Protein backbone atom coordinates (compact mmCIF):
# COMPACT_ATOMS: atom_id res chain seq x y z
CA UNK A 1 0.00 0.00 0.00
CA UNK A 2 3.01 2.27 0.41
CA UNK A 3 5.38 3.40 -2.35
CA UNK A 4 8.24 3.74 0.14
CA UNK A 5 11.39 1.74 -0.45
CA UNK A 6 14.37 0.68 1.61
CA UNK A 7 16.38 3.43 -0.05
CA UNK A 8 13.78 5.95 1.18
CA UNK A 9 14.37 4.67 4.72
CA UNK A 10 18.10 5.20 4.36
CA UNK A 11 17.57 8.79 3.18
CA UNK A 12 15.18 9.58 6.03
CA UNK A 13 17.52 8.03 8.59
CA UNK A 14 20.42 10.11 7.30
CA UNK A 15 18.37 13.31 7.58
CA UNK A 16 17.13 12.84 11.15
CA UNK A 17 18.93 14.55 14.02
CA UNK A 18 16.36 14.54 16.86
CA UNK A 19 14.32 11.41 16.17
CA UNK A 20 14.80 7.69 15.70
CA UNK A 21 13.95 6.23 12.29
CA UNK A 22 10.75 4.19 12.61
CA UNK A 23 9.67 1.49 10.17
CA UNK A 24 6.71 -0.85 9.89
CA UNK A 25 7.64 -4.16 8.34
CA UNK A 26 5.32 -6.79 6.88
CA UNK A 27 3.53 -9.37 9.06
CA UNK A 28 5.64 -12.39 9.96
CA UNK A 29 6.51 -14.45 6.89
CA UNK A 30 9.35 -16.51 5.48
CA UNK A 31 11.31 -13.38 4.57
CA UNK A 32 10.99 -11.54 7.88
CA UNK A 33 14.57 -12.14 8.99
CA UNK A 34 15.96 -10.74 5.74
CA UNK A 35 13.55 -7.80 5.91
CA UNK A 36 14.55 -6.94 9.46
CA UNK A 37 18.25 -7.19 8.58
CA UNK A 38 17.65 -4.84 5.64
CA UNK A 39 15.90 -2.13 7.68
CA UNK A 40 18.55 -2.31 10.40
CA UNK A 41 21.26 -1.86 7.77
CA UNK A 42 19.47 1.25 6.50
CA UNK A 43 19.24 2.92 9.88
CA UNK A 44 15.92 1.87 11.46
CA UNK A 45 15.89 2.15 15.24
CA UNK A 46 12.23 1.38 15.94
CA UNK A 47 10.33 -1.44 14.23
CA UNK A 48 6.59 -2.21 14.22
CA UNK A 49 5.23 -5.69 13.54
CA UNK A 50 1.64 -5.62 12.23
CA UNK A 51 -1.02 -8.30 12.66
CA UNK A 52 0.66 -9.99 15.61
CA UNK A 53 -1.68 -12.75 16.79
CA UNK A 54 0.05 -14.89 19.42
CA UNK A 55 2.73 -14.85 22.07
CA UNK A 56 4.68 -17.31 19.93
CA UNK A 57 4.75 -14.83 17.05
CA UNK A 58 5.83 -12.04 19.39
CA UNK A 59 8.68 -14.16 20.75
CA UNK A 60 9.77 -15.16 17.27
CA UNK A 61 9.92 -11.53 16.19
CA UNK A 62 11.84 -10.55 19.34
CA UNK A 63 14.39 -13.24 18.49
CA UNK A 64 14.71 -11.94 14.93
CA UNK A 65 15.18 -8.33 16.05
CA UNK A 66 17.69 -9.48 18.68
CA UNK A 67 17.79 -6.16 20.52
CA UNK A 68 18.88 -4.16 17.50
CA UNK A 69 15.79 -1.90 17.51
CA UNK A 70 13.00 -0.91 19.87
CA UNK A 71 10.08 -3.20 19.16
CA UNK A 72 6.41 -2.29 18.77
CA UNK A 73 3.64 -4.85 18.33
CA UNK A 74 0.62 -3.68 16.33
CA UNK A 75 -2.55 -5.26 17.74
CA UNK A 76 -5.26 -5.52 15.07
CA UNK A 77 -7.52 -8.45 15.99
CA UNK A 78 -10.05 -9.10 18.75
CA UNK A 79 -7.99 -12.00 20.10
CA UNK A 80 -4.78 -9.97 20.19
CA UNK A 81 -6.57 -7.08 21.92
CA UNK A 82 -7.81 -9.43 24.63
CA UNK A 83 -4.25 -10.72 25.04
CA UNK A 84 -2.61 -7.26 25.01
CA UNK A 85 -1.21 -7.61 28.51
CA UNK A 86 0.23 -11.04 27.78
CA UNK A 87 1.83 -9.77 24.58
CA UNK A 88 3.28 -6.81 26.46
CA UNK A 89 4.87 -9.17 28.96
CA UNK A 90 7.03 -10.85 26.32
CA UNK A 91 10.64 -9.85 27.08
CA UNK A 92 11.95 -7.56 24.37
CA UNK A 93 8.61 -5.93 23.56
CA UNK A 94 8.73 -2.18 24.22
CA UNK A 95 5.30 -1.00 23.16
CA UNK A 96 1.81 -2.17 22.21
CA UNK A 97 -0.01 -0.13 19.58
CA UNK A 98 -3.65 -0.78 18.66
CA UNK A 99 -4.63 -0.37 15.01
CA UNK A 100 -8.24 0.73 14.62
CA UNK A 101 -9.10 -0.22 11.04
CA UNK A 102 -8.44 -3.96 11.03
CA UNK A 103 -9.50 -4.25 14.66
CA UNK A 104 -12.91 -2.81 13.80
CA UNK A 105 -13.30 -5.45 11.09
CA UNK A 106 -12.24 -8.20 13.50
CA UNK A 107 -14.75 -7.00 16.09
CA UNK A 108 -17.53 -6.80 13.52
CA UNK A 109 -18.04 -3.07 14.03
CA UNK A 110 -19.57 -0.78 11.43
CA UNK A 111 -16.79 1.83 11.65
CA UNK A 112 -13.30 2.17 13.05
CA UNK A 113 -14.56 4.96 15.31
CA UNK A 114 -16.67 2.52 17.26
CA UNK A 115 -13.51 0.84 18.54
CA UNK A 116 -13.02 3.98 20.62
CA UNK A 117 -16.43 3.68 22.28
CA UNK A 118 -16.89 1.74 25.49
CA UNK A 119 -13.97 0.35 27.47
CA UNK A 120 -12.22 -2.00 25.04
CA UNK A 121 -9.13 0.16 24.73
CA UNK A 122 -9.13 1.14 28.39
CA UNK A 123 -8.94 -2.51 29.42
CA UNK A 124 -6.07 -3.11 27.01
CA UNK A 125 -4.27 0.05 28.09
CA UNK A 126 -4.39 -0.94 31.75
CA UNK A 127 -3.10 -4.43 30.98
CA UNK A 128 -0.20 -3.08 28.91
CA UNK A 129 0.73 -0.33 31.35
CA UNK A 130 0.66 -2.82 34.24
CA UNK A 131 3.54 -4.54 32.44
CA UNK A 132 5.48 -1.28 32.30
CA UNK A 133 5.15 -0.94 28.53
CA UNK A 134 4.14 2.02 26.38
CA UNK A 135 0.61 1.98 25.00
CA UNK A 136 -0.64 3.76 21.89
CA UNK A 137 -3.47 3.53 19.42
CA UNK A 138 -4.64 4.81 16.05
CA UNK A 139 -3.42 8.17 14.86
CA UNK A 140 -4.00 11.88 15.38
CA UNK A 141 -5.23 14.51 12.98
CA UNK A 142 -4.60 18.22 13.21
CA UNK A 143 -5.61 20.16 16.30
CA UNK A 144 -9.16 21.57 16.06
CA UNK A 145 -9.93 19.65 12.87
CA UNK A 146 -13.72 19.35 12.99
CA UNK A 147 -14.01 18.05 9.43
CA UNK A 148 -13.25 14.52 10.60
CA UNK A 149 -16.11 12.14 11.45
CA UNK A 150 -15.08 12.51 15.10
CA UNK A 151 -13.65 15.94 16.04
CA UNK A 152 -9.90 15.69 16.52
CA UNK A 153 -10.13 17.19 19.99
CA UNK A 154 -12.18 14.23 21.27
CA UNK A 155 -9.50 11.86 19.97
CA UNK A 156 -6.84 13.89 21.77
CA UNK A 157 -8.90 13.63 24.96
CA UNK A 158 -9.06 9.86 24.55
CA UNK A 159 -5.27 9.64 24.50
CA UNK A 160 -5.20 11.38 27.86
CA UNK A 161 -8.02 9.27 29.29
CA UNK A 162 -6.22 6.06 28.38
CA UNK A 163 -2.78 7.27 29.43
CA UNK A 164 -1.54 6.59 25.90
CA UNK A 165 1.96 7.86 25.20
CA UNK A 166 2.29 6.90 21.54
CA UNK A 167 0.41 7.90 18.40
CA UNK A 168 0.90 7.65 14.69
CA UNK A 169 0.34 10.69 12.50
CA UNK A 170 -2.90 10.11 10.62
CA UNK A 171 -3.33 10.87 6.94
CA UNK A 172 -5.55 13.77 8.04
CA UNK A 173 -2.64 15.40 9.88
CA UNK A 174 -1.77 18.75 8.25
CA UNK A 175 1.38 18.61 6.14
CA UNK A 176 0.84 21.57 3.84
CA UNK A 177 2.45 24.11 6.17
CA UNK A 178 5.17 23.92 8.79
CA UNK A 179 5.16 20.36 10.11
CA UNK A 180 7.14 21.30 13.21
CA UNK A 181 4.50 23.86 14.19
CA UNK A 182 1.69 21.38 13.61
CA UNK A 183 3.43 18.77 15.75
CA UNK A 184 4.11 21.32 18.51
CA UNK A 185 0.42 22.28 18.55
CA UNK A 186 -0.56 18.63 18.76
CA UNK A 187 1.79 18.02 21.68
CA UNK A 188 0.48 21.10 23.48
CA UNK A 189 -3.11 19.95 23.06
CA UNK A 190 -2.28 16.46 24.27
CA UNK A 191 -0.59 18.00 27.32
CA UNK A 192 -3.64 20.18 27.96
CA UNK A 193 -5.93 17.16 27.99
CA UNK A 194 -3.39 15.35 30.14
CA UNK A 195 -3.97 18.00 32.80
CA UNK A 196 -7.77 17.75 32.55
CA UNK A 197 -9.89 16.39 35.39
CA UNK A 198 -11.22 12.82 35.31
CA UNK A 199 -14.70 14.28 34.99
CA UNK A 200 -13.77 16.28 31.89
CA UNK A 201 -12.14 13.22 30.33
CA UNK A 202 -15.17 11.06 31.09
CA UNK A 203 -17.47 13.66 29.53
CA UNK A 204 -15.30 13.81 26.40
CA UNK A 205 -15.35 10.02 26.15
CA UNK A 206 -19.13 9.93 26.51
CA UNK A 207 -19.43 12.51 23.72
CA UNK A 208 -17.08 10.49 21.51
CA UNK A 209 -19.05 7.29 22.18
CA UNK A 210 -22.37 8.95 21.30
CA UNK A 211 -20.97 10.32 18.06
CA UNK A 212 -19.33 6.99 17.14
CA UNK A 213 -22.59 5.08 17.70
CA UNK A 214 -24.36 7.29 15.18
CA UNK A 215 -21.70 7.12 12.46
CA UNK A 216 -21.81 5.10 9.28
CA UNK A 217 -18.67 6.74 7.82
CA UNK A 218 -15.69 4.42 7.95
C-alpha atoms as a PDB file:
ATOM      1  CA  UNK A   1       0.000   0.000   0.000  1.00  0.00           C
ATOM      2  CA  UNK A   2       3.006   2.268   0.406  1.00  0.00           C
ATOM      3  CA  UNK A   3       5.380   3.397  -2.346  1.00  0.00           C
ATOM      4  CA  UNK A   4       8.242   3.740   0.140  1.00  0.00           C
ATOM      5  CA  UNK A   5      11.390   1.736  -0.453  1.00  0.00           C
ATOM      6  CA  UNK A   6      14.367   0.675   1.615  1.00  0.00           C
ATOM      7  CA  UNK A   7      16.375   3.432  -0.054  1.00  0.00           C
ATOM      8  CA  UNK A   8      13.781   5.949   1.183  1.00  0.00           C
ATOM      9  CA  UNK A   9      14.370   4.672   4.720  1.00  0.00           C
ATOM     10  CA  UNK A  10      18.096   5.202   4.359  1.00  0.00           C
ATOM     11  CA  UNK A  11      17.566   8.794   3.175  1.00  0.00           C
ATOM     12  CA  UNK A  12      15.182   9.580   6.033  1.00  0.00           C
ATOM     13  CA  UNK A  13      17.519   8.025   8.591  1.00  0.00           C
ATOM     14  CA  UNK A  14      20.421  10.106   7.298  1.00  0.00           C
ATOM     15  CA  UNK A  15      18.373  13.309   7.579  1.00  0.00           C
ATOM     16  CA  UNK A  16      17.130  12.838  11.149  1.00  0.00           C
ATOM     17  CA  UNK A  17      18.930  14.545  14.018  1.00  0.00           C
ATOM     18  CA  UNK A  18      16.358  14.538  16.856  1.00  0.00           C
ATOM     19  CA  UNK A  19      14.322  11.411  16.173  1.00  0.00           C
ATOM     20  CA  UNK A  20      14.800   7.693  15.703  1.00  0.00           C
ATOM     21  CA  UNK A  21      13.951   6.233  12.290  1.00  0.00           C
ATOM     22  CA  UNK A  22      10.751   4.191  12.609  1.00  0.00           C
ATOM     23  CA  UNK A  23       9.673   1.487  10.167  1.00  0.00           C
ATOM     24  CA  UNK A  24       6.707  -0.850   9.890  1.00  0.00           C
ATOM     25  CA  UNK A  25       7.635  -4.164   8.340  1.00  0.00           C
ATOM     26  CA  UNK A  26       5.315  -6.790   6.880  1.00  0.00           C
ATOM     27  CA  UNK A  27       3.533  -9.367   9.062  1.00  0.00           C
ATOM     28  CA  UNK A  28       5.637 -12.388   9.958  1.00  0.00           C
ATOM     29  CA  UNK A  29       6.512 -14.448   6.891  1.00  0.00           C
ATOM     30  CA  UNK A  30       9.352 -16.509   5.482  1.00  0.00           C
ATOM     31  CA  UNK A  31      11.312 -13.385   4.572  1.00  0.00           C
ATOM     32  CA  UNK A  32      10.986 -11.545   7.879  1.00  0.00           C
ATOM     33  CA  UNK A  33      14.574 -12.138   8.991  1.00  0.00           C
ATOM     34  CA  UNK A  34      15.965 -10.739   5.736  1.00  0.00           C
ATOM     35  CA  UNK A  35      13.551  -7.798   5.909  1.00  0.00           C
ATOM     36  CA  UNK A  36      14.555  -6.935   9.461  1.00  0.00           C
ATOM     37  CA  UNK A  37      18.249  -7.188   8.582  1.00  0.00           C
ATOM     38  CA  UNK A  38      17.647  -4.843   5.645  1.00  0.00           C
ATOM     39  CA  UNK A  39      15.902  -2.135   7.678  1.00  0.00           C
ATOM     40  CA  UNK A  40      18.549  -2.308  10.404  1.00  0.00           C
ATOM     41  CA  UNK A  41      21.256  -1.864   7.774  1.00  0.00           C
ATOM     42  CA  UNK A  42      19.466   1.249   6.505  1.00  0.00           C
ATOM     43  CA  UNK A  43      19.242   2.921   9.880  1.00  0.00           C
ATOM     44  CA  UNK A  44      15.925   1.873  11.455  1.00  0.00           C
ATOM     45  CA  UNK A  45      15.891   2.153  15.238  1.00  0.00           C
ATOM     46  CA  UNK A  46      12.231   1.379  15.938  1.00  0.00           C
ATOM     47  CA  UNK A  47      10.328  -1.441  14.234  1.00  0.00           C
ATOM     48  CA  UNK A  48       6.594  -2.207  14.224  1.00  0.00           C
ATOM     49  CA  UNK A  49       5.229  -5.693  13.544  1.00  0.00           C
ATOM     50  CA  UNK A  50       1.643  -5.618  12.227  1.00  0.00           C
ATOM     51  CA  UNK A  51      -1.018  -8.300  12.660  1.00  0.00           C
ATOM     52  CA  UNK A  52       0.656  -9.988  15.615  1.00  0.00           C
ATOM     53  CA  UNK A  53      -1.676 -12.748  16.795  1.00  0.00           C
ATOM     54  CA  UNK A  54       0.052 -14.892  19.416  1.00  0.00           C
ATOM     55  CA  UNK A  55       2.733 -14.852  22.068  1.00  0.00           C
ATOM     56  CA  UNK A  56       4.679 -17.307  19.929  1.00  0.00           C
ATOM     57  CA  UNK A  57       4.753 -14.828  17.053  1.00  0.00           C
ATOM     58  CA  UNK A  58       5.835 -12.037  19.386  1.00  0.00           C
ATOM     59  CA  UNK A  59       8.680 -14.157  20.751  1.00  0.00           C
ATOM     60  CA  UNK A  60       9.768 -15.159  17.268  1.00  0.00           C
ATOM     61  CA  UNK A  61       9.924 -11.528  16.190  1.00  0.00           C
ATOM     62  CA  UNK A  62      11.843 -10.554  19.336  1.00  0.00           C
ATOM     63  CA  UNK A  63      14.389 -13.244  18.493  1.00  0.00           C
ATOM     64  CA  UNK A  64      14.713 -11.936  14.931  1.00  0.00           C
ATOM     65  CA  UNK A  65      15.176  -8.330  16.046  1.00  0.00           C
ATOM     66  CA  UNK A  66      17.687  -9.480  18.685  1.00  0.00           C
ATOM     67  CA  UNK A  67      17.788  -6.163  20.524  1.00  0.00           C
ATOM     68  CA  UNK A  68      18.884  -4.164  17.495  1.00  0.00           C
ATOM     69  CA  UNK A  69      15.794  -1.903  17.513  1.00  0.00           C
ATOM     70  CA  UNK A  70      13.001  -0.913  19.866  1.00  0.00           C
ATOM     71  CA  UNK A  71      10.081  -3.204  19.157  1.00  0.00           C
ATOM     72  CA  UNK A  72       6.412  -2.290  18.772  1.00  0.00           C
ATOM     73  CA  UNK A  73       3.635  -4.854  18.332  1.00  0.00           C
ATOM     74  CA  UNK A  74       0.623  -3.681  16.335  1.00  0.00           C
ATOM     75  CA  UNK A  75      -2.554  -5.259  17.735  1.00  0.00           C
ATOM     76  CA  UNK A  76      -5.262  -5.518  15.067  1.00  0.00           C
ATOM     77  CA  UNK A  77      -7.515  -8.454  15.987  1.00  0.00           C
ATOM     78  CA  UNK A  78     -10.050  -9.095  18.748  1.00  0.00           C
ATOM     79  CA  UNK A  79      -7.991 -11.997  20.104  1.00  0.00           C
ATOM     80  CA  UNK A  80      -4.783  -9.968  20.189  1.00  0.00           C
ATOM     81  CA  UNK A  81      -6.573  -7.081  21.923  1.00  0.00           C
ATOM     82  CA  UNK A  82      -7.811  -9.427  24.632  1.00  0.00           C
ATOM     83  CA  UNK A  83      -4.247 -10.715  25.038  1.00  0.00           C
ATOM     84  CA  UNK A  84      -2.608  -7.264  25.010  1.00  0.00           C
ATOM     85  CA  UNK A  85      -1.211  -7.610  28.514  1.00  0.00           C
ATOM     86  CA  UNK A  86       0.231 -11.041  27.776  1.00  0.00           C
ATOM     87  CA  UNK A  87       1.833  -9.774  24.579  1.00  0.00           C
ATOM     88  CA  UNK A  88       3.280  -6.809  26.458  1.00  0.00           C
ATOM     89  CA  UNK A  89       4.868  -9.173  28.965  1.00  0.00           C
ATOM     90  CA  UNK A  90       7.026 -10.847  26.318  1.00  0.00           C
ATOM     91  CA  UNK A  91      10.641  -9.845  27.084  1.00  0.00           C
ATOM     92  CA  UNK A  92      11.949  -7.559  24.374  1.00  0.00           C
ATOM     93  CA  UNK A  93       8.606  -5.930  23.561  1.00  0.00           C
ATOM     94  CA  UNK A  94       8.732  -2.184  24.222  1.00  0.00           C
ATOM     95  CA  UNK A  95       5.297  -1.003  23.160  1.00  0.00           C
ATOM     96  CA  UNK A  96       1.813  -2.168  22.206  1.00  0.00           C
ATOM     97  CA  UNK A  97      -0.010  -0.132  19.576  1.00  0.00           C
ATOM     98  CA  UNK A  98      -3.645  -0.776  18.661  1.00  0.00           C
ATOM     99  CA  UNK A  99      -4.628  -0.367  15.007  1.00  0.00           C
ATOM    100  CA  UNK A 100      -8.236   0.726  14.623  1.00  0.00           C
ATOM    101  CA  UNK A 101      -9.097  -0.220  11.038  1.00  0.00           C
ATOM    102  CA  UNK A 102      -8.442  -3.962  11.032  1.00  0.00           C
ATOM    103  CA  UNK A 103      -9.499  -4.252  14.662  1.00  0.00           C
ATOM    104  CA  UNK A 104     -12.913  -2.809  13.798  1.00  0.00           C
ATOM    105  CA  UNK A 105     -13.295  -5.454  11.094  1.00  0.00           C
ATOM    106  CA  UNK A 106     -12.238  -8.201  13.502  1.00  0.00           C
ATOM    107  CA  UNK A 107     -14.754  -7.001  16.092  1.00  0.00           C
ATOM    108  CA  UNK A 108     -17.534  -6.795  13.520  1.00  0.00           C
ATOM    109  CA  UNK A 109     -18.039  -3.069  14.033  1.00  0.00           C
ATOM    110  CA  UNK A 110     -19.569  -0.781  11.426  1.00  0.00           C
ATOM    111  CA  UNK A 111     -16.794   1.829  11.646  1.00  0.00           C
ATOM    112  CA  UNK A 112     -13.301   2.172  13.052  1.00  0.00           C
ATOM    113  CA  UNK A 113     -14.556   4.963  15.306  1.00  0.00           C
ATOM    114  CA  UNK A 114     -16.668   2.516  17.257  1.00  0.00           C
ATOM    115  CA  UNK A 115     -13.510   0.837  18.537  1.00  0.00           C
ATOM    116  CA  UNK A 116     -13.017   3.975  20.620  1.00  0.00           C
ATOM    117  CA  UNK A 117     -16.429   3.682  22.283  1.00  0.00           C
ATOM    118  CA  UNK A 118     -16.885   1.739  25.494  1.00  0.00           C
ATOM    119  CA  UNK A 119     -13.972   0.354  27.473  1.00  0.00           C
ATOM    120  CA  UNK A 120     -12.216  -1.996  25.043  1.00  0.00           C
ATOM    121  CA  UNK A 121      -9.126   0.157  24.734  1.00  0.00           C
ATOM    122  CA  UNK A 122      -9.133   1.141  28.391  1.00  0.00           C
ATOM    123  CA  UNK A 123      -8.940  -2.507  29.424  1.00  0.00           C
ATOM    124  CA  UNK A 124      -6.070  -3.114  27.007  1.00  0.00           C
ATOM    125  CA  UNK A 125      -4.266   0.051  28.090  1.00  0.00           C
ATOM    126  CA  UNK A 126      -4.390  -0.935  31.754  1.00  0.00           C
ATOM    127  CA  UNK A 127      -3.101  -4.431  30.976  1.00  0.00           C
ATOM    128  CA  UNK A 128      -0.200  -3.084  28.914  1.00  0.00           C
ATOM    129  CA  UNK A 129       0.726  -0.330  31.355  1.00  0.00           C
ATOM    130  CA  UNK A 130       0.659  -2.822  34.243  1.00  0.00           C
ATOM    131  CA  UNK A 131       3.540  -4.537  32.442  1.00  0.00           C
ATOM    132  CA  UNK A 132       5.480  -1.279  32.300  1.00  0.00           C
ATOM    133  CA  UNK A 133       5.146  -0.945  28.527  1.00  0.00           C
ATOM    134  CA  UNK A 134       4.138   2.019  26.381  1.00  0.00           C
ATOM    135  CA  UNK A 135       0.612   1.984  25.000  1.00  0.00           C
ATOM    136  CA  UNK A 136      -0.635   3.755  21.888  1.00  0.00           C
ATOM    137  CA  UNK A 137      -3.470   3.526  19.424  1.00  0.00           C
ATOM    138  CA  UNK A 138      -4.638   4.808  16.052  1.00  0.00           C
ATOM    139  CA  UNK A 139      -3.423   8.170  14.864  1.00  0.00           C
ATOM    140  CA  UNK A 140      -3.998  11.876  15.381  1.00  0.00           C
ATOM    141  CA  UNK A 141      -5.232  14.507  12.981  1.00  0.00           C
ATOM    142  CA  UNK A 142      -4.597  18.217  13.206  1.00  0.00           C
ATOM    143  CA  UNK A 143      -5.609  20.155  16.299  1.00  0.00           C
ATOM    144  CA  UNK A 144      -9.158  21.572  16.058  1.00  0.00           C
ATOM    145  CA  UNK A 145      -9.931  19.648  12.866  1.00  0.00           C
ATOM    146  CA  UNK A 146     -13.716  19.348  12.991  1.00  0.00           C
ATOM    147  CA  UNK A 147     -14.011  18.054   9.429  1.00  0.00           C
ATOM    148  CA  UNK A 148     -13.248  14.518  10.600  1.00  0.00           C
ATOM    149  CA  UNK A 149     -16.112  12.137  11.448  1.00  0.00           C
ATOM    150  CA  UNK A 150     -15.083  12.512  15.098  1.00  0.00           C
ATOM    151  CA  UNK A 151     -13.649  15.935  16.037  1.00  0.00           C
ATOM    152  CA  UNK A 152      -9.900  15.686  16.518  1.00  0.00           C
ATOM    153  CA  UNK A 153     -10.128  17.189  19.994  1.00  0.00           C
ATOM    154  CA  UNK A 154     -12.178  14.231  21.267  1.00  0.00           C
ATOM    155  CA  UNK A 155      -9.497  11.859  19.967  1.00  0.00           C
ATOM    156  CA  UNK A 156      -6.843  13.888  21.771  1.00  0.00           C
ATOM    157  CA  UNK A 157      -8.903  13.633  24.956  1.00  0.00           C
ATOM    158  CA  UNK A 158      -9.063   9.862  24.548  1.00  0.00           C
ATOM    159  CA  UNK A 159      -5.274   9.639  24.502  1.00  0.00           C
ATOM    160  CA  UNK A 160      -5.203  11.383  27.859  1.00  0.00           C
ATOM    161  CA  UNK A 161      -8.025   9.273  29.294  1.00  0.00           C
ATOM    162  CA  UNK A 162      -6.222   6.058  28.378  1.00  0.00           C
ATOM    163  CA  UNK A 163      -2.781   7.271  29.428  1.00  0.00           C
ATOM    164  CA  UNK A 164      -1.541   6.592  25.898  1.00  0.00           C
ATOM    165  CA  UNK A 165       1.958   7.863  25.195  1.00  0.00           C
ATOM    166  CA  UNK A 166       2.293   6.901  21.536  1.00  0.00           C
ATOM    167  CA  UNK A 167       0.407   7.895  18.397  1.00  0.00           C
ATOM    168  CA  UNK A 168       0.900   7.647  14.688  1.00  0.00           C
ATOM    169  CA  UNK A 169       0.344  10.692  12.498  1.00  0.00           C
ATOM    170  CA  UNK A 170      -2.903  10.106  10.618  1.00  0.00           C
ATOM    171  CA  UNK A 171      -3.333  10.869   6.943  1.00  0.00           C
ATOM    172  CA  UNK A 172      -5.547  13.769   8.035  1.00  0.00           C
ATOM    173  CA  UNK A 173      -2.643  15.403   9.877  1.00  0.00           C
ATOM    174  CA  UNK A 174      -1.768  18.752   8.249  1.00  0.00           C
ATOM    175  CA  UNK A 175       1.379  18.608   6.140  1.00  0.00           C
ATOM    176  CA  UNK A 176       0.842  21.568   3.841  1.00  0.00           C
ATOM    177  CA  UNK A 177       2.453  24.110   6.170  1.00  0.00           C
ATOM    178  CA  UNK A 178       5.171  23.919   8.793  1.00  0.00           C
ATOM    179  CA  UNK A 179       5.159  20.356  10.109  1.00  0.00           C
ATOM    180  CA  UNK A 180       7.137  21.296  13.213  1.00  0.00           C
ATOM    181  CA  UNK A 181       4.503  23.860  14.189  1.00  0.00           C
ATOM    182  CA  UNK A 182       1.686  21.376  13.608  1.00  0.00           C
ATOM    183  CA  UNK A 183       3.428  18.766  15.754  1.00  0.00           C
ATOM    184  CA  UNK A 184       4.111  21.324  18.511  1.00  0.00           C
ATOM    185  CA  UNK A 185       0.421  22.284  18.546  1.00  0.00           C
ATOM    186  CA  UNK A 186      -0.560  18.626  18.760  1.00  0.00           C
ATOM    187  CA  UNK A 187       1.788  18.020  21.678  1.00  0.00           C
ATOM    188  CA  UNK A 188       0.477  21.102  23.479  1.00  0.00           C
ATOM    189  CA  UNK A 189      -3.109  19.953  23.061  1.00  0.00           C
ATOM    190  CA  UNK A 190      -2.277  16.462  24.273  1.00  0.00           C
ATOM    191  CA  UNK A 191      -0.592  18.003  27.318  1.00  0.00           C
ATOM    192  CA  UNK A 192      -3.639  20.178  27.959  1.00  0.00           C
ATOM    193  CA  UNK A 193      -5.929  17.157  27.988  1.00  0.00           C
ATOM    194  CA  UNK A 194      -3.391  15.351  30.143  1.00  0.00           C
ATOM    195  CA  UNK A 195      -3.967  17.996  32.800  1.00  0.00           C
ATOM    196  CA  UNK A 196      -7.774  17.751  32.546  1.00  0.00           C
ATOM    197  CA  UNK A 197      -9.893  16.388  35.388  1.00  0.00           C
ATOM    198  CA  UNK A 198     -11.217  12.821  35.313  1.00  0.00           C
ATOM    199  CA  UNK A 199     -14.705  14.283  34.994  1.00  0.00           C
ATOM    200  CA  UNK A 200     -13.772  16.282  31.894  1.00  0.00           C
ATOM    201  CA  UNK A 201     -12.143  13.215  30.325  1.00  0.00           C
ATOM    202  CA  UNK A 202     -15.173  11.064  31.093  1.00  0.00           C
ATOM    203  CA  UNK A 203     -17.468  13.656  29.529  1.00  0.00           C
ATOM    204  CA  UNK A 204     -15.300  13.811  26.401  1.00  0.00           C
ATOM    205  CA  UNK A 205     -15.347  10.016  26.146  1.00  0.00           C
ATOM    206  CA  UNK A 206     -19.128   9.935  26.509  1.00  0.00           C
ATOM    207  CA  UNK A 207     -19.431  12.515  23.721  1.00  0.00           C
ATOM    208  CA  UNK A 208     -17.077  10.491  21.514  1.00  0.00           C
ATOM    209  CA  UNK A 209     -19.049   7.291  22.180  1.00  0.00           C
ATOM    210  CA  UNK A 210     -22.369   8.952  21.302  1.00  0.00           C
ATOM    211  CA  UNK A 211     -20.967  10.317  18.064  1.00  0.00           C
ATOM    212  CA  UNK A 212     -19.332   6.991  17.141  1.00  0.00           C
ATOM    213  CA  UNK A 213     -22.587   5.082  17.696  1.00  0.00           C
ATOM    214  CA  UNK A 214     -24.356   7.295  15.178  1.00  0.00           C
ATOM    215  CA  UNK A 215     -21.697   7.121  12.463  1.00  0.00           C
ATOM    216  CA  UNK A 216     -21.809   5.102   9.275  1.00  0.00           C
ATOM    217  CA  UNK A 217     -18.672   6.741   7.819  1.00  0.00           C
ATOM    218  CA  UNK A 218     -15.691   4.422   7.952  1.00  0.00           C
END
